[in-house]
């Protein structure tokens, strides 16, 4: 419980692992609206006794997990399980009018890069008498200043807890301060996290972070962020703590679930009924969960990365072709798109993969004297019978020369069979920069997509990433890395 990882820098971001929360009782067969949110949360523990005492089983407490469907699947932070090493994890679950009980948890999937794990309770507590609930996952990314709260459980005795001891619920609430990219462990690719202005407690790791408006899960607790935030106010009138919570967005969990065909409650990715399709043209993929990439450290020149990819009937990217881009930009992009998922085709349909184009445009430093000139491309895959729309000219948005934070805009652009932009949808907003990005995207020109050798309509996902001026007062982002402590 007190083990930790060593940080490679003397000055780094520090994140403490944690957990909270008890829940009010409710029958497992009651409607979801009648069951408290905290009934979906349960401590992840390891029993150390072979037989119970008058206080129940003695156990070690590691963190939290939360149910996502009635099949008994849960999500937690992967580092919670790493503390268990090769031991069998258990869940501490409540029963009506009876002491809590330990239930085995099978480890189903682990994404160590983004610190997400999927568990499954055995036997399924939803078909028993347990007080359990499930939480819905949010597809939309919450904006800055959005109100959120964590919901976690921890034993009343952190030292030497027993199963008969009371559980304490804690619901730290705050607002979303900002998004950042950081590696969650040494040697791992960058993960996008968000900070919210409330401290988190020992044991909160893996607990759900919920939108106050929708009551859907927008992330899971990663720990405590001690490096600082450009949005933290030091004015005495604000009376805001310099210690904030760090959260892994639910995007990474959704990607893990979707790529492994695990359906969560509230998942609307699959159509309610099969939709008719034609032989002549594949349907357009609909993004389910996308994330941008971090701007490489100590690079201010700007660059483009162009990919051509197939979206298969399961909603996954496949057959990825690299049409343009070099490191360090390319490696950042490939790490990001590896987590992308799209809505799968109707289960009754046997549809071929649809090809799309993906363009990451890394805008140059805002300290630059002038905007980068539009990039003119040579048409790629000229003889291919299957391809996405290929960019020929991509004007860069005319961003202001001063910006104090790194950010990004993600667009879904429909391109017609003549290579002209038909419509532009904002998938990821960034305050006033979205309008400038959309205006530039409407000026892009493409070689049209091809399906079965004929020009056709298709789509391109455009990700524009801008970075602050070199004279920005924002703290360095690229060298921060969390330190997990359970």
Protein backbone atom coordinates (compact mmCIF):
# COMPACT_ATOMS: atom_id res chain seq x y z
CA UNK A 1 0.00 0.00 0.00
CA UNK A 2 2.97 2.31 0.51
CA UNK A 3 5.08 1.12 -2.40
CA UNK A 4 5.83 3.64 -5.14
CA UNK A 5 7.67 4.28 -8.37
CA UNK A 6 10.75 6.43 -8.59
CA UNK A 7 10.63 9.54 -10.77
CA UNK A 8 13.49 10.16 -13.24
CA UNK A 9 13.54 13.94 -12.70
CA UNK A 10 14.24 15.98 -9.62
CA UNK A 11 11.34 18.26 -10.48
CA UNK A 12 8.38 16.28 -11.75
CA UNK A 13 4.63 16.05 -11.53
CA UNK A 14 3.60 13.89 -8.60
CA UNK A 15 0.38 11.90 -8.50
CA UNK A 16 -0.84 9.97 -5.47
CA UNK A 17 -3.01 6.96 -5.98
CA UNK A 18 -6.28 7.02 -4.06
CA UNK A 19 -9.79 5.85 -3.36
CA UNK A 20 -13.03 6.84 -1.60
CA UNK A 21 -16.56 5.93 -0.80
CA UNK A 22 -19.56 4.09 0.67
CA UNK A 23 -22.91 3.73 -0.94
CA UNK A 24 -26.46 3.65 0.26
CA UNK A 25 -28.18 0.24 0.00
CA UNK A 26 -30.37 -0.71 -2.91
CA UNK A 27 -31.58 -3.96 -4.39
CA UNK A 28 -29.59 -5.15 -7.39
CA UNK A 29 -32.77 -5.61 -9.43
CA UNK A 30 -33.99 -2.07 -8.85
CA UNK A 31 -33.96 0.47 -11.62
CA UNK A 32 -30.63 2.23 -12.20
CA UNK A 33 -32.13 5.59 -11.27
CA UNK A 34 -33.08 4.27 -7.82
CA UNK A 35 -29.60 2.97 -7.01
CA UNK A 36 -26.96 5.43 -5.73
CA UNK A 37 -23.93 6.13 -7.89
CA UNK A 38 -21.54 4.92 -5.19
CA UNK A 39 -23.10 1.44 -5.39
CA UNK A 40 -21.14 1.08 -8.65
CA UNK A 41 -17.84 1.65 -6.82
CA UNK A 42 -15.95 -0.99 -4.87
CA UNK A 43 -12.52 -1.27 -3.23
CA UNK A 44 -9.86 -3.45 -4.84
CA UNK A 45 -8.27 -5.51 -2.08
CA UNK A 46 -6.20 -8.58 -1.25
CA UNK A 47 -7.16 -10.84 1.70
CA UNK A 48 -4.24 -11.83 3.95
CA UNK A 49 -6.10 -14.34 6.18
CA UNK A 50 -7.16 -17.86 5.30
CA UNK A 51 -10.12 -17.70 7.68
CA UNK A 52 -12.18 -14.82 9.14
CA UNK A 53 -11.99 -13.43 12.67
CA UNK A 54 -14.74 -11.66 14.59
CA UNK A 55 -13.97 -8.61 12.40
CA UNK A 56 -14.17 -10.58 9.16
CA UNK A 57 -11.28 -11.08 6.76
CA UNK A 58 -8.14 -9.02 7.16
CA UNK A 59 -7.17 -7.40 3.84
CA UNK A 60 -4.84 -4.95 2.12
CA UNK A 61 -6.54 -2.04 0.36
CA UNK A 62 -5.15 -0.86 -3.01
CA UNK A 63 -7.66 1.41 -4.74
CA UNK A 64 -11.05 1.50 -6.44
CA UNK A 65 -12.86 0.04 -9.43
CA UNK A 66 -16.35 0.74 -10.83
CA UNK A 67 -18.91 -1.35 -12.72
CA UNK A 68 -19.75 -0.43 -16.31
CA UNK A 69 -22.40 -3.04 -17.19
CA UNK A 70 -24.63 -5.77 -15.77
CA UNK A 71 -22.23 -8.47 -16.95
CA UNK A 72 -19.94 -7.62 -14.05
CA UNK A 73 -17.21 -5.74 -15.95
CA UNK A 74 -15.32 -2.99 -14.13
CA UNK A 75 -12.71 -0.35 -14.90
CA UNK A 76 -9.80 0.63 -12.67
CA UNK A 77 -6.34 2.17 -12.93
CA UNK A 78 -3.75 -0.38 -14.06
CA UNK A 79 -1.26 0.72 -11.41
CA UNK A 80 -3.71 -0.39 -8.71
CA UNK A 81 -3.23 -3.96 -9.95
CA UNK A 82 0.53 -3.59 -10.32
CA UNK A 83 0.75 -3.29 -6.54
CA UNK A 84 -0.77 -6.78 -6.31
CA UNK A 85 1.91 -8.19 -8.62
CA UNK A 86 0.85 -11.78 -9.41
CA UNK A 87 -1.70 -12.09 -6.60
CA UNK A 88 -5.43 -12.61 -7.13
CA UNK A 89 -7.33 -9.30 -6.76
CA UNK A 90 -10.65 -9.23 -4.92
CA UNK A 91 -13.54 -6.77 -4.74
CA UNK A 92 -15.20 -5.80 -1.47
CA UNK A 93 -18.95 -5.76 -2.16
CA UNK A 94 -21.92 -4.83 0.01
CA UNK A 95 -24.86 -7.10 0.84
CA UNK A 96 -28.25 -6.02 2.25
CA UNK A 97 -28.57 -6.85 5.96
CA UNK A 98 -25.27 -8.77 5.92
CA UNK A 99 -21.53 -8.06 6.25
CA UNK A 100 -19.56 -7.17 3.10
CA UNK A 101 -18.17 -10.05 1.09
CA UNK A 102 -15.01 -10.61 -0.95
CA UNK A 103 -15.54 -11.51 -4.62
CA UNK A 104 -12.78 -12.54 -7.02
CA UNK A 105 -11.92 -10.20 -9.88
CA UNK A 106 -10.51 -11.62 -13.10
CA UNK A 107 -8.09 -9.33 -14.95
CA UNK A 108 -9.49 -9.12 -18.49
CA UNK A 109 -7.47 -6.36 -20.20
CA UNK A 110 -4.65 -4.01 -19.25
CA UNK A 111 -3.40 -0.90 -21.07
CA UNK A 112 -0.20 -0.09 -19.21
CA UNK A 113 0.61 2.86 -21.49
CA UNK A 114 -2.50 4.78 -20.43
CA UNK A 115 -2.96 3.19 -16.99
CA UNK A 116 -6.35 1.56 -17.60
CA UNK A 117 -7.45 -1.98 -16.73
CA UNK A 118 -10.68 -3.97 -17.21
CA UNK A 119 -11.80 -6.49 -14.58
CA UNK A 120 -14.71 -8.90 -14.32
CA UNK A 121 -16.29 -9.95 -11.02
CA UNK A 122 -16.78 -13.70 -10.61
CA UNK A 123 -19.46 -14.70 -9.90
CA UNK A 124 -21.45 -11.85 -11.45
CA UNK A 125 -22.84 -9.81 -8.51
CA UNK A 126 -25.70 -8.44 -10.63
CA UNK A 127 -27.42 -11.81 -10.57
CA UNK A 128 -26.94 -12.16 -6.82
CA UNK A 129 -28.10 -10.18 -3.79
CA UNK A 130 -25.33 -7.61 -3.83
CA UNK A 131 -25.91 -3.85 -3.65
CA UNK A 132 -24.42 -2.99 -7.01
CA UNK A 133 -24.98 -0.48 -9.77
CA UNK A 134 -23.27 0.42 -13.04
CA UNK A 135 -22.19 3.79 -14.40
CA UNK A 136 -22.60 5.16 -17.92
CA UNK A 137 -19.52 6.34 -19.79
CA UNK A 138 -19.43 9.75 -21.47
CA UNK A 139 -18.52 9.86 -25.15
CA UNK A 140 -18.18 13.64 -25.29
CA UNK A 141 -15.06 15.26 -23.89
CA UNK A 142 -15.95 17.68 -21.06
CA UNK A 143 -14.75 21.25 -21.65
CA UNK A 144 -12.61 23.43 -19.45
CA UNK A 145 -14.45 24.73 -16.33
CA UNK A 146 -16.89 21.80 -16.45
CA UNK A 147 -18.06 20.68 -12.98
CA UNK A 148 -17.04 17.16 -11.98
CA UNK A 149 -16.77 15.03 -8.86
CA UNK A 150 -14.97 11.84 -7.91
CA UNK A 151 -16.74 9.00 -6.11
CA UNK A 152 -14.60 6.60 -4.12
CA UNK A 153 -14.66 4.19 -1.17
CA UNK A 154 -11.96 3.52 1.37
CA UNK A 155 -11.91 1.56 4.64
CA UNK A 156 -12.40 3.52 7.86
CA UNK A 157 -9.17 1.89 9.09
CA UNK A 158 -6.48 2.30 6.43
CA UNK A 159 -4.07 0.40 8.66
CA UNK A 160 -5.00 -3.26 9.06
CA UNK A 161 -8.58 -3.07 7.69
CA UNK A 162 -11.12 -5.91 8.01
CA UNK A 163 -14.16 -6.68 5.91
CA UNK A 164 -16.61 -5.91 8.75
CA UNK A 165 -15.19 -2.39 9.15
CA UNK A 166 -17.25 0.49 7.78
CA UNK A 167 -16.42 2.01 4.42
CA UNK A 168 -16.15 5.77 4.02
CA UNK A 169 -17.44 7.55 0.95
CA UNK A 170 -15.69 10.67 -0.28
CA UNK A 171 -16.92 12.84 -3.16
CA UNK A 172 -14.40 15.60 -3.89
CA UNK A 173 -16.01 18.03 -6.32
CA UNK A 174 -14.40 20.68 -8.47
CA UNK A 175 -14.16 22.03 -11.98
CA UNK A 176 -12.03 20.84 -14.85
CA UNK A 177 -9.00 23.14 -15.05
CA UNK A 178 -7.10 22.03 -18.14
CA UNK A 179 -5.91 19.13 -20.28
CA UNK A 180 -2.26 18.10 -20.47
CA UNK A 181 -0.13 15.42 -22.06
CA UNK A 182 2.36 13.54 -19.91
CA UNK A 183 3.88 10.04 -19.77
CA UNK A 184 2.34 8.15 -16.86
CA UNK A 185 5.46 6.07 -16.35
CA UNK A 186 9.05 6.09 -17.55
CA UNK A 187 9.36 4.99 -21.16
CA UNK A 188 5.60 5.15 -21.84
CA UNK A 189 4.01 7.27 -24.59
CA UNK A 190 2.20 10.46 -23.67
CA UNK A 191 -1.27 10.21 -22.15
CA UNK A 192 -3.73 13.06 -22.10
CA UNK A 193 -4.92 13.79 -18.56
CA UNK A 194 -7.06 16.53 -17.09
CA UNK A 195 -6.73 18.35 -13.79
CA UNK A 196 -9.58 19.30 -11.48
CA UNK A 197 -9.30 21.70 -8.56
CA UNK A 198 -9.72 19.37 -5.63
CA UNK A 199 -7.29 17.28 -3.64
CA UNK A 200 -7.64 13.49 -3.69
CA UNK A 201 -6.96 11.10 -0.84
CA UNK A 202 -4.90 7.99 -0.31
CA UNK A 203 -6.64 5.09 -2.04
CA UNK A 204 -8.67 7.05 -4.61
CA UNK A 205 -6.87 5.65 -7.66
CA UNK A 206 -9.25 4.04 -10.13
CA UNK A 207 -12.33 5.81 -8.76
CA UNK A 208 -14.74 7.25 -11.35
CA UNK A 209 -14.81 10.99 -12.04
CA UNK A 210 -18.35 11.97 -13.00
CA UNK A 211 -19.88 14.94 -14.81
CA UNK A 212 -22.15 16.87 -12.45
CA UNK A 213 -24.54 17.57 -15.34
CA UNK A 214 -24.90 14.19 -17.01
CA UNK A 215 -23.81 11.87 -14.15
CA UNK A 216 -21.72 10.01 -16.73
CA UNK A 217 -18.12 8.97 -16.13
CA UNK A 218 -15.64 11.32 -17.82
CA UNK A 219 -12.47 9.82 -16.34
CA UNK A 220 -10.84 7.85 -13.54
CA UNK A 221 -8.64 9.14 -10.74
CA UNK A 222 -4.95 8.91 -11.51
CA UNK A 223 -3.76 10.63 -8.34
CA UNK A 224 -2.52 13.93 -6.99
CA UNK A 225 -0.84 16.52 -9.21
CA UNK A 226 1.77 18.56 -7.39
CA UNK A 227 3.66 20.11 -10.30
CA UNK A 228 1.30 23.05 -10.66
CA UNK A 229 -1.16 24.33 -13.23
CA UNK A 230 -1.25 27.45 -15.36
CA UNK A 231 -4.92 27.79 -14.35
CA UNK A 232 -4.38 27.61 -10.58
CA UNK A 233 -5.03 31.02 -9.06
CA UNK A 234 -2.70 32.32 -6.38
CA UNK A 235 -4.82 35.36 -5.59
CA UNK A 236 -5.82 35.25 -1.91
CA UNK A 237 -9.43 35.97 -2.86
CA UNK A 238 -9.59 32.68 -4.75
CA UNK A 239 -8.50 30.60 -1.73
CA UNK A 240 -7.79 27.68 -4.02
CA UNK A 241 -5.41 24.90 -3.01
CA UNK A 242 -2.27 24.46 -5.08
CA UNK A 243 -2.89 20.69 -4.89
CA UNK A 244 -5.23 19.35 -7.58
CA UNK A 245 -6.42 15.96 -8.74
CA UNK A 246 -5.19 14.33 -11.95
CA UNK A 247 -7.62 12.26 -14.05
CA UNK A 248 -7.20 9.89 -17.01
CA UNK A 249 -10.03 10.67 -19.47
CA UNK A 250 -12.48 7.85 -20.09
CA UNK A 251 -11.42 7.93 -23.77
CA UNK A 252 -8.69 5.38 -23.12
CA UNK A 253 -11.06 2.99 -21.36
CA UNK A 254 -13.65 3.30 -24.16
CA UNK A 255 -10.96 2.53 -26.74
CA UNK A 256 -9.87 -0.55 -24.78
CA UNK A 257 -13.47 -1.77 -24.46
CA UNK A 258 -14.42 -1.07 -28.09
CA UNK A 259 -11.31 -2.72 -29.51
CA UNK A 260 -12.12 -5.86 -27.52
CA UNK A 261 -15.90 -5.92 -28.23
CA UNK A 262 -16.98 -5.27 -24.64
CA UNK A 263 -20.23 -3.30 -24.54
CA UNK A 264 -20.83 -0.92 -21.67
CA UNK A 265 -24.16 0.34 -20.37
CA UNK A 266 -25.21 3.43 -22.28
CA UNK A 267 -23.07 2.44 -25.27
CA UNK A 268 -24.87 3.90 -28.29
CA UNK A 269 -22.13 3.12 -30.78
CA UNK A 270 -24.06 0.31 -32.46
CA UNK A 271 -27.25 1.27 -34.35
CA UNK A 272 -30.50 0.02 -32.84
CA UNK A 273 -31.36 -1.80 -36.05
CA UNK A 274 -29.37 -2.70 -39.18
CA UNK A 275 -29.21 0.06 -41.76
CA UNK A 276 -29.36 -0.68 -45.48
CA UNK A 277 -26.14 -0.35 -47.41
CA UNK A 278 -25.26 -0.32 -51.09
CA UNK A 279 -22.65 -2.24 -52.98
CA UNK A 280 -21.43 0.87 -54.78
CA UNK A 281 -20.36 2.83 -51.68
CA UNK A 282 -19.36 2.02 -48.12
CA UNK A 283 -20.99 3.97 -45.29
CA UNK A 284 -19.03 6.78 -43.69
CA UNK A 285 -17.32 5.89 -40.38
CA UNK A 286 -18.57 7.83 -37.37
CA UNK A 287 -15.89 8.64 -34.77
CA UNK A 288 -16.58 7.21 -31.34
CA UNK A 289 -13.50 8.15 -29.34
CA UNK A 290 -10.61 10.25 -30.67
CA UNK A 291 -7.71 11.98 -28.96
CA UNK A 292 -5.14 14.48 -30.23
CA UNK A 293 -1.36 14.22 -29.75
CA UNK A 294 1.16 16.21 -27.76
CA UNK A 295 3.43 18.75 -29.42
CA UNK A 296 7.01 17.42 -29.37
CA UNK A 297 9.24 19.11 -26.82
CA UNK A 298 11.77 21.70 -27.96
CA UNK A 299 10.32 21.81 -31.51
CA UNK A 300 8.77 25.03 -32.75
CA UNK A 301 8.86 24.73 -36.53
CA UNK A 302 5.54 23.00 -37.21
CA UNK A 303 4.89 20.00 -39.45
CA UNK A 304 2.19 17.80 -41.00
CA UNK A 305 1.60 14.06 -40.67
CA UNK A 306 -0.68 12.42 -43.27
CA UNK A 307 -2.11 8.92 -42.91
CA UNK A 308 -4.43 6.77 -44.99
CA UNK A 309 -6.29 4.12 -43.00
CA UNK A 310 -9.11 1.62 -43.25
CA UNK A 311 -11.94 1.56 -40.71
CA UNK A 312 -13.19 -2.02 -40.47
CA UNK A 313 -16.70 -3.18 -39.58
CA UNK A 314 -15.71 -3.38 -35.89
CA UNK A 315 -14.83 0.33 -35.88
CA UNK A 316 -11.08 -0.14 -35.63
CA UNK A 317 -8.30 1.41 -37.71
CA UNK A 318 -6.39 -1.06 -39.84
CA UNK A 319 -3.98 -1.13 -42.77
CA UNK A 320 -2.44 2.20 -41.77
CA UNK A 321 -0.39 3.86 -44.53
CA UNK A 322 2.04 6.67 -43.72
CA UNK A 323 1.90 9.20 -46.58
CA UNK A 324 3.86 12.01 -44.97
CA UNK A 325 5.54 13.04 -41.73
CA UNK A 326 8.75 12.47 -39.83
CA UNK A 327 9.75 11.97 -36.23
CA UNK A 328 9.35 13.31 -33.61
CA UNK A 329 5.89 14.27 -34.94
CA UNK A 330 5.13 10.89 -36.51
CA UNK A 331 5.72 8.88 -33.34
CA UNK A 332 3.38 11.17 -31.38
CA UNK A 333 0.65 10.73 -34.00
CA UNK A 334 0.95 6.95 -34.24
CA UNK A 335 0.70 6.63 -30.44
CA UNK A 336 -2.49 8.73 -30.48
CA UNK A 337 -4.34 7.07 -33.39
CA UNK A 338 -3.60 3.64 -31.90
CA UNK A 339 -6.36 4.45 -29.36
CA UNK A 340 -8.93 5.73 -31.89
CA UNK A 341 -12.23 3.93 -32.33
CA UNK A 342 -15.27 4.43 -34.58
CA UNK A 343 -18.84 3.25 -34.34
CA UNK A 344 -18.99 -0.35 -35.57
CA UNK A 345 -21.16 -1.41 -38.49
CA UNK A 346 -24.58 -2.95 -37.76
CA UNK A 347 -24.06 -6.51 -36.55
CA UNK A 348 -26.14 -7.94 -39.40
CA UNK A 349 -24.06 -6.21 -42.07
CA UNK A 350 -20.93 -7.68 -43.67
CA UNK A 351 -19.40 -4.42 -44.85
CA UNK A 352 -15.96 -3.91 -46.36
CA UNK A 353 -13.48 -1.62 -44.65
CA UNK A 354 -13.88 2.07 -45.51
CA UNK A 355 -10.76 4.12 -46.13
CA UNK A 356 -10.36 7.59 -44.65
CA UNK A 357 -7.59 10.16 -44.49
CA UNK A 358 -6.08 11.43 -41.24
CA UNK A 359 -4.11 14.68 -41.16
CA UNK A 360 -2.32 16.04 -38.11
CA UNK A 361 -1.24 19.64 -38.58
CA UNK A 362 1.23 20.88 -35.96
CA UNK A 363 0.98 24.65 -36.10
CA UNK A 364 4.24 26.53 -35.65
CA UNK A 365 5.09 28.54 -32.55
CA UNK A 366 2.91 31.58 -31.91
CA UNK A 367 6.13 33.54 -31.58
CA UNK A 368 6.73 33.06 -35.31
CA UNK A 369 6.84 36.24 -37.36
CA UNK A 370 4.41 34.92 -39.93
CA UNK A 371 2.12 31.97 -40.46
CA UNK A 372 3.45 28.89 -42.21
CA UNK A 373 2.68 28.82 -45.92
CA UNK A 374 0.07 26.33 -47.16
CA UNK A 375 1.62 22.94 -47.77
CA UNK A 376 1.26 21.68 -51.36
CA UNK A 377 1.34 17.86 -51.69
CA UNK A 378 2.00 15.53 -54.57
CA UNK A 379 -0.97 13.19 -54.98
CA UNK A 380 -0.34 9.94 -53.10
CA UNK A 381 -1.57 6.44 -54.00
CA UNK A 382 -2.41 7.60 -57.55
CA UNK A 383 -2.91 4.05 -58.79
CA UNK A 384 -4.76 2.72 -55.74
CA UNK A 385 -8.32 1.45 -56.24
CA UNK A 386 -9.05 1.96 -52.52
CA UNK A 387 -7.90 5.09 -50.69
CA UNK A 388 -9.14 7.96 -48.59
CA UNK A 389 -9.17 11.58 -49.81
CA UNK A 390 -5.59 12.80 -50.23
CA UNK A 391 -4.75 16.40 -49.21
CA UNK A 392 -3.26 18.55 -51.96
CA UNK A 393 -3.31 21.98 -50.25
CA UNK A 394 -3.83 22.58 -46.51
CA UNK A 395 -3.79 26.24 -45.42
CA UNK A 396 -2.91 26.65 -41.75
CA UNK A 397 -5.38 28.52 -39.48
CA UNK A 398 -4.47 32.15 -38.93
CA UNK A 399 -4.07 31.83 -35.16
CA UNK A 400 -3.22 34.86 -33.00
CA UNK A 401 0.43 35.27 -32.16
CA UNK A 402 -0.09 34.98 -28.39
CA UNK A 403 -1.47 31.91 -26.63
CA UNK A 404 -0.61 30.74 -23.12
CA UNK A 405 -1.54 27.07 -23.37
CA UNK A 406 -1.11 24.15 -25.72
CA UNK A 407 -4.32 22.94 -27.31
CA UNK A 408 -5.94 21.23 -30.27
CA UNK A 409 -9.01 21.12 -32.49
CA UNK A 410 -10.33 17.92 -34.12
CA UNK A 411 -12.55 18.12 -37.20
CA UNK A 412 -14.45 15.55 -39.23
CA UNK A 413 -14.52 16.82 -42.80
CA UNK A 414 -16.67 15.30 -45.54
CA UNK A 415 -15.04 15.43 -48.98
CA UNK A 416 -17.07 14.93 -52.15
CA UNK A 417 -16.13 12.94 -55.25
CA UNK A 418 -14.49 16.04 -56.77
CA UNK A 419 -12.16 16.52 -53.79
CA UNK A 420 -14.05 19.55 -52.45
CA UNK A 421 -14.89 19.95 -48.74
CA UNK A 422 -18.60 19.36 -48.35
CA UNK A 423 -19.16 19.79 -44.61
CA UNK A 424 -17.05 20.25 -41.49
CA UNK A 425 -18.00 19.00 -38.02
CA UNK A 426 -16.12 20.03 -34.86
CA UNK A 427 -15.40 16.92 -32.79
CA UNK A 428 -13.12 18.62 -30.29
CA UNK A 429 -13.57 22.28 -29.51
CA UNK A 430 -10.97 24.73 -28.29
CA UNK A 431 -12.74 27.96 -27.45
CA UNK A 432 -12.20 30.68 -30.07
CA UNK A 433 -9.69 28.62 -32.09
CA UNK A 434 -12.29 26.25 -33.52
CA UNK A 435 -13.84 28.87 -35.81
CA UNK A 436 -10.42 29.76 -37.25
CA UNK A 437 -9.62 26.08 -37.77
CA UNK A 438 -12.93 25.41 -39.54
CA UNK A 439 -12.42 28.44 -41.81
CA UNK A 440 -9.00 27.13 -42.87
CA UNK A 441 -10.31 23.57 -43.34
CA UNK A 442 -12.94 24.76 -45.80
CA UNK A 443 -10.08 25.98 -48.04
CA UNK A 444 -8.34 22.60 -48.15
CA UNK A 445 -8.26 20.77 -51.47
CA UNK A 446 -8.03 17.02 -51.95
CA UNK A 447 -7.60 14.30 -54.51
CA UNK A 448 -10.90 12.43 -54.06
CA UNK A 449 -11.19 9.11 -52.29
CA UNK A 450 -11.61 5.95 -54.33
CA UNK A 451 -13.78 2.92 -53.75
CA UNK A 452 -13.63 -0.02 -56.19
CA UNK A 453 -11.52 2.18 -58.48
CA UNK A 454 -14.10 4.99 -58.76
CA UNK A 455 -13.96 8.46 -57.21
CA UNK A 456 -16.30 8.66 -54.25
CA UNK A 457 -17.30 10.66 -51.22
CA UNK A 458 -15.31 10.00 -48.06
CA UNK A 459 -14.02 11.75 -45.00
CA UNK A 460 -10.86 13.08 -43.45
CA UNK A 461 -10.14 13.56 -39.76
CA UNK A 462 -8.18 16.77 -39.29
CA UNK A 463 -6.30 17.35 -36.04
CA UNK A 464 -4.75 20.81 -35.65
CA UNK A 465 -2.38 21.14 -32.70
CA UNK A 466 -1.13 24.54 -31.61
CA UNK A 467 1.45 25.30 -29.00
CA UNK A 468 2.22 28.36 -26.86
CA UNK A 469 4.77 31.03 -27.60
CA UNK A 470 8.29 30.32 -26.37
CA UNK A 471 7.83 33.27 -24.00
CA UNK A 472 4.69 31.78 -22.48
CA UNK A 473 4.42 31.85 -18.71
CA UNK A 474 2.82 28.41 -18.71
CA UNK A 475 4.89 25.75 -16.90
CA UNK A 476 6.73 23.19 -19.00
CA UNK A 477 4.51 20.30 -19.92
CA UNK A 478 6.79 17.87 -21.68
CA UNK A 479 8.98 17.07 -18.66
CA UNK A 480 6.24 16.36 -16.16
CA UNK A 481 5.51 12.77 -15.20
CA UNK A 482 3.29 11.47 -12.43
CA UNK A 483 4.57 9.45 -9.51
CA UNK A 484 1.99 6.93 -8.29
CA UNK A 485 1.83 6.18 -4.59
CA UNK A 486 -0.69 3.69 -3.16
